[in-house]
Amino acid sequence: MAENASGFVTVLFECKAKPGKEEELRSVISGLVTPTRSEPGCITYEFHTIEGQPGTFVAYEHWVSQESLDAHVQTAHMQAFIQRSAELLQAPFDSGLRLLHPLRPQQK
């Protein structure tokens, strides 16, 4: 993933639990929030559920740089989640990652 023109990195991550793993995934994801928010370079880190889609979770992440996001991925809590992802998620971990680019009005 690459930084956008502002230098910040914004990530959207969506995942769906395997049947019967919904509450376990919710617990694992909930455990990521506090340590991630205290990481250097983390601006925003929010996980959400989607109304009417039980077991589906969406994270919105905003980082000061690609380096801070890279460091986040290497933390013990993220590595533990990534290692368990095949057990918990319906699709591969990477398939849920999206890099967002801001849409800005054109300058005249």
PDB file of N, CA and C in Angstrom:
ATOM      1  N   MET A   1       0.836  -1.178   0.000  1.00  0.00           N
ATOM      2  CA  MET A   1       0.000   0.000   0.000  1.00  0.00           C
ATOM      3  C   MET A   1       0.876   1.235   0.000  1.00  0.00           C
ATOM      4  N   ALA A   2       0.380   2.280  -0.579  1.00  0.00           N
ATOM      5  CA  ALA A   2       1.178   3.496  -0.691  1.00  0.00           C
ATOM      6  C   ALA A   2       0.432   4.671  -0.083  1.00  0.00           C
ATOM      7  N   GLU A   3       1.200   5.659   0.326  1.00  0.00           N
ATOM      8  CA  GLU A   3       0.615   6.869   0.881  1.00  0.00           C
ATOM      9  C   GLU A   3      -0.126   7.628  -0.206  1.00  0.00           C
ATOM     10  N   ASN A   4      -1.151   8.366   0.199  1.00  0.00           N
ATOM     11  CA  ASN A   4      -1.837   9.216  -0.766  1.00  0.00           C
ATOM     12  C   ASN A   4      -1.128  10.566  -0.820  1.00  0.00           C
ATOM     13  N   ALA A   5      -1.654  11.476  -1.591  1.00  0.00           N
ATOM     14  CA  ALA A   5      -0.987  12.768  -1.814  1.00  0.00           C
ATOM     15  C   ALA A   5      -0.774  13.556  -0.527  1.00  0.00           C
ATOM     16  N   SER A   6      -1.601  13.350   0.475  1.00  0.00           N
ATOM     17  CA  SER A   6      -1.455  14.074   1.734  1.00  0.00           C
ATOM     18  C   SER A   6      -0.367  13.469   2.614  1.00  0.00           C
ATOM     19  N   GLY A   7       0.121  12.287   2.258  1.00  0.00           N
ATOM     20  CA  GLY A   7       1.111  11.594   3.074  1.00  0.00           C
ATOM     21  C   GLY A   7       0.479  10.612   4.033  1.00  0.00           C
ATOM     22  N   PHE A   8      -0.792  10.781   4.333  1.00  0.00           N
ATOM     23  CA  PHE A   8      -1.492   9.873   5.221  1.00  0.00           C
ATOM     24  C   PHE A   8      -1.879   8.593   4.487  1.00  0.00           C
ATOM     25  N   VAL A   9      -2.127   7.538   5.247  1.00  0.00           N
ATOM     26  CA  VAL A   9      -2.574   6.273   4.682  1.00  0.00           C
ATOM     27  C   VAL A   9      -3.903   5.925   5.340  1.00  0.00           C
ATOM     28  N   THR A  10      -4.902   5.654   4.525  1.00  0.00           N
ATOM     29  CA  THR A  10      -6.214   5.274   5.025  1.00  0.00           C
ATOM     30  C   THR A  10      -6.560   3.894   4.481  1.00  0.00           C
ATOM     31  N   VAL A  11      -6.971   3.019   5.391  1.00  0.00           N
ATOM     32  CA  VAL A  11      -7.255   1.627   5.038  1.00  0.00           C
ATOM     33  C   VAL A  11      -8.667   1.283   5.472  1.00  0.00           C
ATOM     34  N   LEU A  12      -9.357   0.541   4.619  1.00  0.00           N
ATOM     35  CA  LEU A  12     -10.638  -0.049   4.955  1.00  0.00           C
ATOM     36  C   LEU A  12     -10.437  -1.554   4.917  1.00  0.00           C
ATOM     37  N   PHE A  13     -10.813  -2.233   5.979  1.00  0.00           N
ATOM     38  CA  PHE A  13     -10.671  -3.687   6.055  1.00  0.00           C
ATOM     39  C   PHE A  13     -12.026  -4.281   6.396  1.00  0.00           C
ATOM     40  N   GLU A  14     -12.486  -5.209   5.572  1.00  0.00           N
ATOM     41  CA  GLU A  14     -13.752  -5.885   5.828  1.00  0.00           C
ATOM     42  C   GLU A  14     -13.502  -7.379   5.909  1.00  0.00           C
ATOM     43  N   CYS A  15     -14.130  -8.009   6.898  1.00  0.00           N
ATOM     44  CA  CYS A  15     -13.997  -9.452   7.034  1.00  0.00           C
ATOM     45  C   CYS A  15     -15.301 -10.049   7.533  1.00  0.00           C
ATOM     46  N   LYS A  16     -15.487 -11.310   7.201  1.00  0.00           N
ATOM     47  CA  LYS A  16     -16.679 -12.040   7.632  1.00  0.00           C
ATOM     48  C   LYS A  16     -16.217 -13.315   8.313  1.00  0.00           C
ATOM     49  N   ALA A  17     -16.812 -13.589   9.462  1.00  0.00           N
ATOM     50  CA  ALA A  17     -16.459 -14.773  10.235  1.00  0.00           C
ATOM     51  C   ALA A  17     -16.979 -16.039   9.561  1.00  0.00           C
ATOM     52  N   LYS A  18     -16.221 -17.096   9.727  1.00  0.00           N
ATOM     53  CA  LYS A  18     -16.720 -18.410   9.317  1.00  0.00           C
ATOM     54  C   LYS A  18     -17.913 -18.745  10.199  1.00  0.00           C
ATOM     55  N   PRO A  19     -18.854 -19.550   9.693  1.00  0.00           N
ATOM     56  CA  PRO A  19     -20.005 -19.924  10.512  1.00  0.00           C
ATOM     57  C   PRO A  19     -19.561 -20.540  11.842  1.00  0.00           C
ATOM     58  N   GLY A  20     -20.162 -20.064  12.912  1.00  0.00           N
ATOM     59  CA  GLY A  20     -19.839 -20.547  14.248  1.00  0.00           C
ATOM     60  C   GLY A  20     -18.656 -19.835  14.888  1.00  0.00           C
ATOM     61  N   LYS A  21     -17.982 -18.963  14.153  1.00  0.00           N
ATOM     62  CA  LYS A  21     -16.805 -18.253  14.666  1.00  0.00           C
ATOM     63  C   LYS A  21     -17.089 -16.766  14.903  1.00  0.00           C
ATOM     64  N   GLU A  22     -18.346 -16.363  14.797  1.00  0.00           N
ATOM     65  CA  GLU A  22     -18.701 -14.946  14.882  1.00  0.00           C
ATOM     66  C   GLU A  22     -18.276 -14.313  16.210  1.00  0.00           C
ATOM     67  N   GLU A  23     -18.625 -14.932  17.318  1.00  0.00           N
ATOM     68  CA  GLU A  23     -18.302 -14.347  18.621  1.00  0.00           C
ATOM     69  C   GLU A  23     -16.806 -14.413  18.910  1.00  0.00           C
ATOM     70  N   GLU A  24     -16.158 -15.466  18.466  1.00  0.00           N
ATOM     71  CA  GLU A  24     -14.711 -15.567  18.648  1.00  0.00           C
ATOM     72  C   GLU A  24     -13.994 -14.469  17.864  1.00  0.00           C
ATOM     73  N   LEU A  25     -14.438 -14.233  16.616  1.00  0.00           N
ATOM     74  CA  LEU A  25     -13.841 -13.167  15.817  1.00  0.00           C
ATOM     75  C   LEU A  25     -14.107 -11.813  16.455  1.00  0.00           C
ATOM     76  N   ARG A  26     -15.313 -11.590  16.940  1.00  0.00           N
ATOM     77  CA  ARG A  26     -15.646 -10.326  17.610  1.00  0.00           C
ATOM     78  C   ARG A  26     -14.705 -10.099  18.799  1.00  0.00           C
ATOM     79  N   SER A  27     -14.440 -11.122  19.563  1.00  0.00           N
ATOM     80  CA  SER A  27     -13.564 -11.018  20.713  1.00  0.00           C
ATOM     81  C   SER A  27     -12.120 -10.692  20.295  1.00  0.00           C
ATOM     82  N   VAL A  28     -11.633 -11.374  19.280  1.00  0.00           N
ATOM     83  CA  VAL A  28     -10.269 -11.131  18.797  1.00  0.00           C
ATOM     84  C   VAL A  28     -10.146  -9.704  18.274  1.00  0.00           C
ATOM     85  N   ILE A  29     -11.105  -9.281  17.473  1.00  0.00           N
ATOM     86  CA  ILE A  29     -11.079  -7.925  16.913  1.00  0.00           C
ATOM     87  C   ILE A  29     -11.155  -6.880  18.019  1.00  0.00           C
ATOM     88  N   SER A  30     -12.020  -7.097  18.992  1.00  0.00           N
ATOM     89  CA  SER A  30     -12.138  -6.150  20.109  1.00  0.00           C
ATOM     90  C   SER A  30     -10.813  -5.993  20.832  1.00  0.00           C
ATOM     91  N   GLY A  31     -10.041  -7.078  20.901  1.00  0.00           N
ATOM     92  CA  GLY A  31      -8.746  -7.032  21.555  1.00  0.00           C
ATOM     93  C   GLY A  31      -7.680  -6.276  20.780  1.00  0.00           C
ATOM     94  N   LEU A  32      -7.937  -5.975  19.518  1.00  0.00           N
ATOM     95  CA  LEU A  32      -6.980  -5.225  18.708  1.00  0.00           C
ATOM     96  C   LEU A  32      -7.082  -3.715  18.908  1.00  0.00           C
ATOM     97  N   VAL A  33      -8.249  -3.246  19.287  1.00  0.00           N
ATOM     98  CA  VAL A  33      -8.533  -1.814  19.258  1.00  0.00           C
ATOM     99  C   VAL A  33      -7.647  -1.011  20.209  1.00  0.00           C
ATOM    100  N   THR A  34      -7.633  -1.335  21.478  1.00  0.00           N
ATOM    101  CA  THR A  34      -6.877  -0.528  22.448  1.00  0.00           C
ATOM    102  C   THR A  34      -5.377  -0.508  22.159  1.00  0.00           C
ATOM    103  N   PRO A  35      -4.730  -1.660  21.942  1.00  0.00           N
ATOM    104  CA  PRO A  35      -3.288  -1.577  21.670  1.00  0.00           C
ATOM    105  C   PRO A  35      -2.973  -0.852  20.364  1.00  0.00           C
ATOM    106  N   THR A  36      -3.826  -1.004  19.365  1.00  0.00           N
ATOM    107  CA  THR A  36      -3.569  -0.337  18.088  1.00  0.00           C
ATOM    108  C   THR A  36      -3.697   1.174  18.222  1.00  0.00           C
ATOM    109  N   ARG A  37      -4.703   1.626  18.942  1.00  0.00           N
ATOM    110  CA  ARG A  37      -4.886   3.075  19.109  1.00  0.00           C
ATOM    111  C   ARG A  37      -3.715   3.741  19.821  1.00  0.00           C
ATOM    112  N   SER A  38      -2.959   2.975  20.599  1.00  0.00           N
ATOM    113  CA  SER A  38      -1.817   3.554  21.317  1.00  0.00           C
ATOM    114  C   SER A  38      -0.517   3.479  20.521  1.00  0.00           C
ATOM    115  N   GLU A  39      -0.558   2.908  19.330  1.00  0.00           N
ATOM    116  CA  GLU A  39       0.649   2.801  18.510  1.00  0.00           C
ATOM    117  C   GLU A  39       1.036   4.161  17.929  1.00  0.00           C
ATOM    118  N   PRO A  40       2.354   4.398  17.802  1.00  0.00           N
ATOM    119  CA  PRO A  40       2.798   5.634  17.145  1.00  0.00           C
ATOM    120  C   PRO A  40       2.274   5.689  15.709  1.00  0.00           C
ATOM    121  N   GLY A  41       1.757   6.833  15.333  1.00  0.00           N
ATOM    122  CA  GLY A  41       1.288   7.020  13.965  1.00  0.00           C
ATOM    123  C   GLY A  41      -0.164   6.679  13.726  1.00  0.00           C
ATOM    124  N   CYS A  42      -0.841   6.128  14.719  1.00  0.00           N
ATOM    125  CA  CYS A  42      -2.259   5.800  14.546  1.00  0.00           C
ATOM    126  C   CYS A  42      -3.089   7.057  14.791  1.00  0.00           C
ATOM    127  N   ILE A  43      -3.846   7.456  13.785  1.00  0.00           N
ATOM    128  CA  ILE A  43      -4.745   8.607  13.912  1.00  0.00           C
ATOM    129  C   ILE A  43      -6.137   8.116  14.301  1.00  0.00           C
ATOM    130  N   THR A  44      -6.626   7.124  13.569  1.00  0.00           N
ATOM    131  CA  THR A  44      -7.949   6.553  13.813  1.00  0.00           C
ATOM    132  C   THR A  44      -7.896   5.055  13.587  1.00  0.00           C
ATOM    133  N   TYR A  45      -8.527   4.313  14.477  1.00  0.00           N
ATOM    134  CA  TYR A  45      -8.651   2.865  14.309  1.00  0.00           C
ATOM    135  C   TYR A  45      -9.989   2.465  14.901  1.00  0.00           C
ATOM    136  N   GLU A  46     -10.937   2.185  14.042  1.00  0.00           N
ATOM    137  CA  GLU A  46     -12.304   1.869  14.464  1.00  0.00           C
ATOM    138  C   GLU A  46     -12.773   0.589  13.791  1.00  0.00           C
ATOM    139  N   PHE A  47     -13.326  -0.329  14.561  1.00  0.00           N
ATOM    140  CA  PHE A  47     -13.991  -1.498  13.997  1.00  0.00           C
ATOM    141  C   PHE A  47     -15.489  -1.299  14.144  1.00  0.00           C
ATOM    142  N   HIS A  48     -16.234  -1.760  13.145  1.00  0.00           N
ATOM    143  CA  HIS A  48     -17.689  -1.623  13.128  1.00  0.00           C
ATOM    144  C   HIS A  48     -18.323  -2.956  12.754  1.00  0.00           C
ATOM    145  N   THR A  49     -19.573  -3.115  13.151  1.00  0.00           N
ATOM    146  CA  THR A  49     -20.408  -4.189  12.632  1.00  0.00           C
ATOM    147  C   THR A  49     -21.311  -3.575  11.573  1.00  0.00           C
ATOM    148  N   ILE A  50     -21.889  -4.418  10.747  1.00  0.00           N
ATOM    149  CA  ILE A  50     -22.804  -3.937   9.714  1.00  0.00           C
ATOM    150  C   ILE A  50     -24.206  -4.430  10.057  1.00  0.00           C
ATOM    151  N   GLU A  51     -25.122  -3.507  10.172  1.00  0.00           N
ATOM    152  CA  GLU A  51     -26.500  -3.859  10.506  1.00  0.00           C
ATOM    153  C   GLU A  51     -27.048  -4.859   9.492  1.00  0.00           C
ATOM    154  N   GLY A  52     -27.624  -5.924   9.994  1.00  0.00           N
ATOM    155  CA  GLY A  52     -28.234  -6.929   9.140  1.00  0.00           C
ATOM    156  C   GLY A  52     -27.246  -7.941   8.564  1.00  0.00           C
ATOM    157  N   GLN A  53     -25.963  -7.808   8.907  1.00  0.00           N
ATOM    158  CA  GLN A  53     -24.953  -8.748   8.424  1.00  0.00           C
ATOM    159  C   GLN A  53     -24.148  -9.290   9.600  1.00  0.00           C
ATOM    160  N   PRO A  54     -24.752 -10.177  10.381  1.00  0.00           N
ATOM    161  CA  PRO A  54     -24.046 -10.700  11.553  1.00  0.00           C
ATOM    162  C   PRO A  54     -22.735 -11.375  11.156  1.00  0.00           C
ATOM    163  N   GLY A  55     -21.717 -11.154  11.971  1.00  0.00           N
ATOM    164  CA  GLY A  55     -20.422 -11.771  11.709  1.00  0.00           C
ATOM    165  C   GLY A  55     -19.563 -11.033  10.710  1.00  0.00           C
ATOM    166  N   THR A  56     -20.048  -9.887  10.204  1.00  0.00           N
ATOM    167  CA  THR A  56     -19.266  -9.066   9.284  1.00  0.00           C
ATOM    168  C   THR A  56     -18.757  -7.844  10.031  1.00  0.00           C
ATOM    169  N   PHE A  57     -17.457  -7.577   9.882  1.00  0.00           N
ATOM    170  CA  PHE A  57     -16.802  -6.484  10.592  1.00  0.00           C
ATOM    171  C   PHE A  57     -16.033  -5.628   9.599  1.00  0.00           C
ATOM    172  N   VAL A  58     -16.020  -4.328   9.857  1.00  0.00           N
ATOM    173  CA  VAL A  58     -15.309  -3.388   8.998  1.00  0.00           C
ATOM    174  C   VAL A  58     -14.437  -2.504   9.884  1.00  0.00           C
ATOM    175  N   ALA A  59     -13.178  -2.363   9.492  1.00  0.00           N
ATOM    176  CA  ALA A  59     -12.269  -1.453  10.191  1.00  0.00           C
ATOM    177  C   ALA A  59     -11.964  -0.277   9.289  1.00  0.00           C
ATOM    178  N   TYR A  60     -11.908   0.898   9.912  1.00  0.00           N
ATOM    179  CA  TYR A  60     -11.468   2.111   9.240  1.00  0.00           C
ATOM    180  C   TYR A  60     -10.218   2.548   9.977  1.00  0.00           C
ATOM    181  N   GLU A  61      -9.104   2.651   9.244  1.00  0.00           N
ATOM    182  CA  GLU A  61      -7.815   2.986   9.841  1.00  0.00           C
ATOM    183  C   GLU A  61      -7.216   4.188   9.126  1.00  0.00           C
ATOM    184  N   HIS A  62      -6.643   5.074   9.906  1.00  0.00           N
ATOM    185  CA  HIS A  62      -5.986   6.259   9.343  1.00  0.00           C
ATOM    186  C   HIS A  62      -4.637   6.372  10.039  1.00  0.00           C
ATOM    187  N   TRP A  63      -3.556   6.390   9.241  1.00  0.00           N
ATOM    188  CA  TRP A  63      -2.192   6.380   9.747  1.00  0.00           C
ATOM    189  C   TRP A  63      -1.422   7.587   9.218  1.00  0.00           C
ATOM    190  N   VAL A  64      -0.433   8.051   9.975  1.00  0.00           N
ATOM    191  CA  VAL A  64       0.332   9.224   9.546  1.00  0.00           C
ATOM    192  C   VAL A  64       1.250   8.911   8.372  1.00  0.00           C
ATOM    193  N   SER A  65       1.615   7.649   8.184  1.00  0.00           N
ATOM    194  CA  SER A  65       2.522   7.288   7.096  1.00  0.00           C
ATOM    195  C   SER A  65       2.439   5.797   6.802  1.00  0.00           C
ATOM    196  N   GLN A  66       2.991   5.425   5.660  1.00  0.00           N
ATOM    197  CA  GLN A  66       3.094   4.013   5.317  1.00  0.00           C
ATOM    198  C   GLN A  66       3.967   3.284   6.340  1.00  0.00           C
ATOM    199  N   GLU A  67       5.006   3.945   6.823  1.00  0.00           N
ATOM    200  CA  GLU A  67       5.897   3.331   7.808  1.00  0.00           C
ATOM    201  C   GLU A  67       5.148   2.982   9.092  1.00  0.00           C
ATOM    202  N   SER A  68       4.250   3.867   9.526  1.00  0.00           N
ATOM    203  CA  SER A  68       3.496   3.576  10.752  1.00  0.00           C
ATOM    204  C   SER A  68       2.528   2.415  10.535  1.00  0.00           C
ATOM    205  N   LEU A  69       1.931   2.327   9.354  1.00  0.00           N
ATOM    206  CA  LEU A  69       1.062   1.188   9.049  1.00  0.00           C
ATOM    207  C   LEU A  69       1.880  -0.100   8.978  1.00  0.00           C
ATOM    208  N   ASP A  70       3.034  -0.042   8.338  1.00  0.00           N
ATOM    209  CA  ASP A  70       3.903  -1.226   8.260  1.00  0.00           C
ATOM    210  C   ASP A  70       4.298  -1.704   9.649  1.00  0.00           C
ATOM    211  N   ALA A  71       4.636  -0.769  10.540  1.00  0.00           N
ATOM    212  CA  ALA A  71       5.000  -1.128  11.914  1.00  0.00           C
ATOM    213  C   ALA A  71       3.811  -1.770  12.630  1.00  0.00           C
ATOM    214  N   HIS A  72       2.608  -1.251  12.392  1.00  0.00           N
ATOM    215  CA  HIS A  72       1.388  -1.817  12.987  1.00  0.00           C
ATOM    216  C   HIS A  72       1.220  -3.279  12.586  1.00  0.00           C
ATOM    217  N   VAL A  73       1.408  -3.570  11.322  1.00  0.00           N
ATOM    218  CA  VAL A  73       1.229  -4.940  10.834  1.00  0.00           C
ATOM    219  C   VAL A  73       2.216  -5.898  11.504  1.00  0.00           C
ATOM    220  N   GLN A  74       3.357  -5.399  11.927  1.00  0.00           N
ATOM    221  CA  GLN A  74       4.388  -6.237  12.547  1.00  0.00           C
ATOM    222  C   GLN A  74       4.223  -6.403  14.063  1.00  0.00           C
ATOM    223  N   THR A  75       3.261  -5.709  14.671  1.00  0.00           N
ATOM    224  CA  THR A  75       3.076  -5.840  16.118  1.00  0.00           C
ATOM    225  C   THR A  75       2.612  -7.246  16.467  1.00  0.00           C
ATOM    226  N   ALA A  76       2.859  -7.631  17.703  1.00  0.00           N
ATOM    227  CA  ALA A  76       2.480  -8.973  18.163  1.00  0.00           C
ATOM    228  C   ALA A  76       0.974  -9.211  18.043  1.00  0.00           C
ATOM    229  N   HIS A  77       0.160  -8.200  18.391  1.00  0.00           N
ATOM    230  CA  HIS A  77      -1.293  -8.398  18.338  1.00  0.00           C
ATOM    231  C   HIS A  77      -1.792  -8.565  16.899  1.00  0.00           C
ATOM    232  N   MET A  78      -1.212  -7.839  15.959  1.00  0.00           N
ATOM    233  CA  MET A  78      -1.635  -8.008  14.560  1.00  0.00           C
ATOM    234  C   MET A  78      -1.129  -9.322  13.980  1.00  0.00           C
ATOM    235  N   GLN A  79       0.098  -9.690  14.306  1.00  0.00           N
ATOM    236  CA  GLN A  79       0.630 -10.956  13.810  1.00  0.00           C
ATOM    237  C   GLN A  79      -0.195 -12.137  14.332  1.00  0.00           C
ATOM    238  N   ALA A  80      -0.629 -12.053  15.582  1.00  0.00           N
ATOM    239  CA  ALA A  80      -1.482 -13.104  16.145  1.00  0.00           C
ATOM    240  C   ALA A  80      -2.808 -13.174  15.394  1.00  0.00           C
ATOM    241  N   PHE A  81      -3.393 -12.021  15.081  1.00  0.00           N
ATOM    242  CA  PHE A  81      -4.650 -11.999  14.328  1.00  0.00           C
ATOM    243  C   PHE A  81      -4.457 -12.561  12.927  1.00  0.00           C
ATOM    244  N   ILE A  82      -3.408 -12.130  12.259  1.00  0.00           N
ATOM    245  CA  ILE A  82      -3.153 -12.611  10.899  1.00  0.00           C
ATOM    246  C   ILE A  82      -2.952 -14.126  10.904  1.00  0.00           C
ATOM    247  N   GLN A  83      -2.227 -14.638  11.892  1.00  0.00           N
ATOM    248  CA  GLN A  83      -1.996 -16.079  11.967  1.00  0.00           C
ATOM    249  C   GLN A  83      -3.289 -16.855  12.208  1.00  0.00           C
ATOM    250  N   ARG A  84      -4.233 -16.270  12.926  1.00  0.00           N
ATOM    251  CA  ARG A  84      -5.516 -16.942  13.198  1.00  0.00           C
ATOM    252  C   ARG A  84      -6.563 -16.679  12.123  1.00  0.00           C
ATOM    253  N   SER A  85      -6.266 -15.805  11.187  1.00  0.00           N
ATOM    254  CA  SER A  85      -7.274 -15.385  10.214  1.00  0.00           C
ATOM    255  C   SER A  85      -7.834 -16.548   9.397  1.00  0.00           C
ATOM    256  N   ALA A  86      -7.017 -17.496   9.014  1.00  0.00           N
ATOM    257  CA  ALA A  86      -7.521 -18.630   8.216  1.00  0.00           C
ATOM    258  C   ALA A  86      -8.537 -19.451   9.004  1.00  0.00           C
ATOM    259  N   GLU A  87      -8.370 -19.502  10.310  1.00  0.00           N
ATOM    260  CA  GLU A  87      -9.278 -20.235  11.195  1.00  0.00           C
ATOM    261  C   GLU A  87     -10.597 -19.492  11.395  1.00  0.00           C
ATOM    262  N   LEU A  88     -10.528 -18.150  11.387  1.00  0.00           N
ATOM    263  CA  LEU A  88     -11.683 -17.331  11.751  1.00  0.00           C
ATOM    264  C   LEU A  88     -12.439 -16.710  10.589  1.00  0.00           C
ATOM    265  N   LEU A  89     -11.746 -16.412   9.497  1.00  0.00           N
ATOM    266  CA  LEU A  89     -12.342 -15.638   8.404  1.00  0.00           C
ATOM    267  C   LEU A  89     -12.771 -16.515   7.234  1.00  0.00           C
ATOM    268  N   GLN A  90     -13.846 -16.105   6.574  1.00  0.00           N
ATOM    269  CA  GLN A  90     -14.327 -16.834   5.399  1.00  0.00           C
ATOM    270  C   GLN A  90     -13.426 -16.665   4.192  1.00  0.00           C
ATOM    271  N   ALA A  91     -12.715 -15.561   4.112  1.00  0.00           N
ATOM    272  CA  ALA A  91     -11.849 -15.268   2.964  1.00  0.00           C
ATOM    273  C   ALA A  91     -10.455 -14.941   3.488  1.00  0.00           C
ATOM    274  N   PRO A  92      -9.434 -15.038   2.646  1.00  0.00           N
ATOM    275  CA  PRO A  92      -8.078 -14.694   3.084  1.00  0.00           C
ATOM    276  C   PRO A  92      -7.998 -13.267   3.625  1.00  0.00           C
ATOM    277  N   PHE A  93      -7.157 -13.083   4.623  1.00  0.00           N
ATOM    278  CA  PHE A  93      -6.989 -11.791   5.295  1.00  0.00           C
ATOM    279  C   PHE A  93      -6.786 -10.659   4.284  1.00  0.00           C
ATOM    280  N   ASP A  94      -5.849 -10.834   3.353  1.00  0.00           N
ATOM    281  CA  ASP A  94      -5.509  -9.775   2.391  1.00  0.00           C
ATOM    282  C   ASP A  94      -6.667  -9.382   1.484  1.00  0.00           C
ATOM    283  N   SER A  95      -7.612 -10.289   1.270  1.00  0.00           N
ATOM    284  CA  SER A  95      -8.713  -9.989   0.349  1.00  0.00           C
ATOM    285  C   SER A  95      -9.640  -8.899   0.887  1.00  0.00           C
ATOM    286  N   GLY A  96      -9.593  -8.663   2.187  1.00  0.00           N
ATOM    287  CA  GLY A  96     -10.462  -7.650   2.776  1.00  0.00           C
ATOM    288  C   GLY A  96      -9.845  -6.277   2.884  1.00  0.00           C
ATOM    289  N   LEU A  97      -8.587  -6.131   2.497  1.00  0.00           N
ATOM    290  CA  LEU A  97      -7.881  -4.848   2.628  1.00  0.00           C
ATOM    291  C   LEU A  97      -8.114  -3.947   1.425  1.00  0.00           C
ATOM    292  N   ARG A  98      -8.407  -2.681   1.689  1.00  0.00           N
ATOM    293  CA  ARG A  98      -8.581  -1.682   0.636  1.00  0.00           C
ATOM    294  C   ARG A  98      -7.866  -0.409   1.047  1.00  0.00           C
ATOM    295  N   LEU A  99      -7.054   0.129   0.157  1.00  0.00           N
ATOM    296  CA  LEU A  99      -6.409   1.416   0.389  1.00  0.00           C
ATOM    297  C   LEU A  99      -7.326   2.492  -0.174  1.00  0.00           C
ATOM    298  N   LEU A 100      -7.647   3.474   0.642  1.00  0.00           N
ATOM    299  CA  LEU A 100      -8.541   4.550   0.220  1.00  0.00           C
ATOM    300  C   LEU A 100      -7.742   5.789  -0.165  1.00  0.00           C
ATOM    301  N   HIS A 101      -8.199   6.474  -1.193  1.00  0.00           N
ATOM    302  CA  HIS A 101      -7.597   7.733  -1.624  1.00  0.00           C
ATOM    303  C   HIS A 101      -8.647   8.824  -1.501  1.00  0.00           C
ATOM    304  N   PRO A 102      -8.290   9.960  -0.924  1.00  0.00           N
ATOM    305  CA  PRO A 102      -9.278  11.026  -0.766  1.00  0.00           C
ATOM    306  C   PRO A 102      -9.676  11.619  -2.114  1.00  0.00           C
ATOM    307  N   LEU A 103     -10.921  11.954  -2.213  1.00  0.00           N
ATOM    308  CA  LEU A 103     -11.438  12.626  -3.402  1.00  0.00           C
ATOM    309  C   LEU A 103     -11.544  14.101  -3.052  1.00  0.00           C
ATOM    310  N   ARG A 104     -10.783  14.908  -3.719  1.00  0.00           N
ATOM    311  CA  ARG A 104     -10.722  16.331  -3.413  1.00  0.00           C
ATOM    312  C   ARG A 104     -11.246  17.125  -4.600  1.00  0.00           C
ATOM    313  N   PRO A 105     -11.861  18.277  -4.345  1.00  0.00           N
ATOM    314  CA  PRO A 105     -12.275  19.134  -5.453  1.00  0.00           C
ATOM    315  C   PRO A 105     -11.050  19.582  -6.249  1.00  0.00           C
ATOM    316  N   GLN A 106     -11.222  19.700  -7.532  1.00  0.00           N
ATOM    317  CA  GLN A 106     -10.119  20.173  -8.388  1.00  0.00           C
ATOM    318  C   GLN A 106      -9.891  21.654  -8.120  1.00  0.00           C
ATOM    319  N   GLN A 107      -8.619  22.028  -8.110  1.00  0.00           N
ATOM    320  CA  GLN A 107      -8.256  23.431  -7.931  1.00  0.00           C
ATOM    321  C   GLN A 107      -8.369  24.148  -9.283  1.00  0.00           C
ATOM    322  N   LYS A 108      -8.864  25.369  -9.250  1.00  0.00           N
ATOM    323  CA  LYS A 108      -9.007  26.151 -10.487  1.00  0.00           C
ATOM    324  C   LYS A 108      -7.786  26.976 -10.720  1.00  0.00           C
TER     325      LYS A 108
END
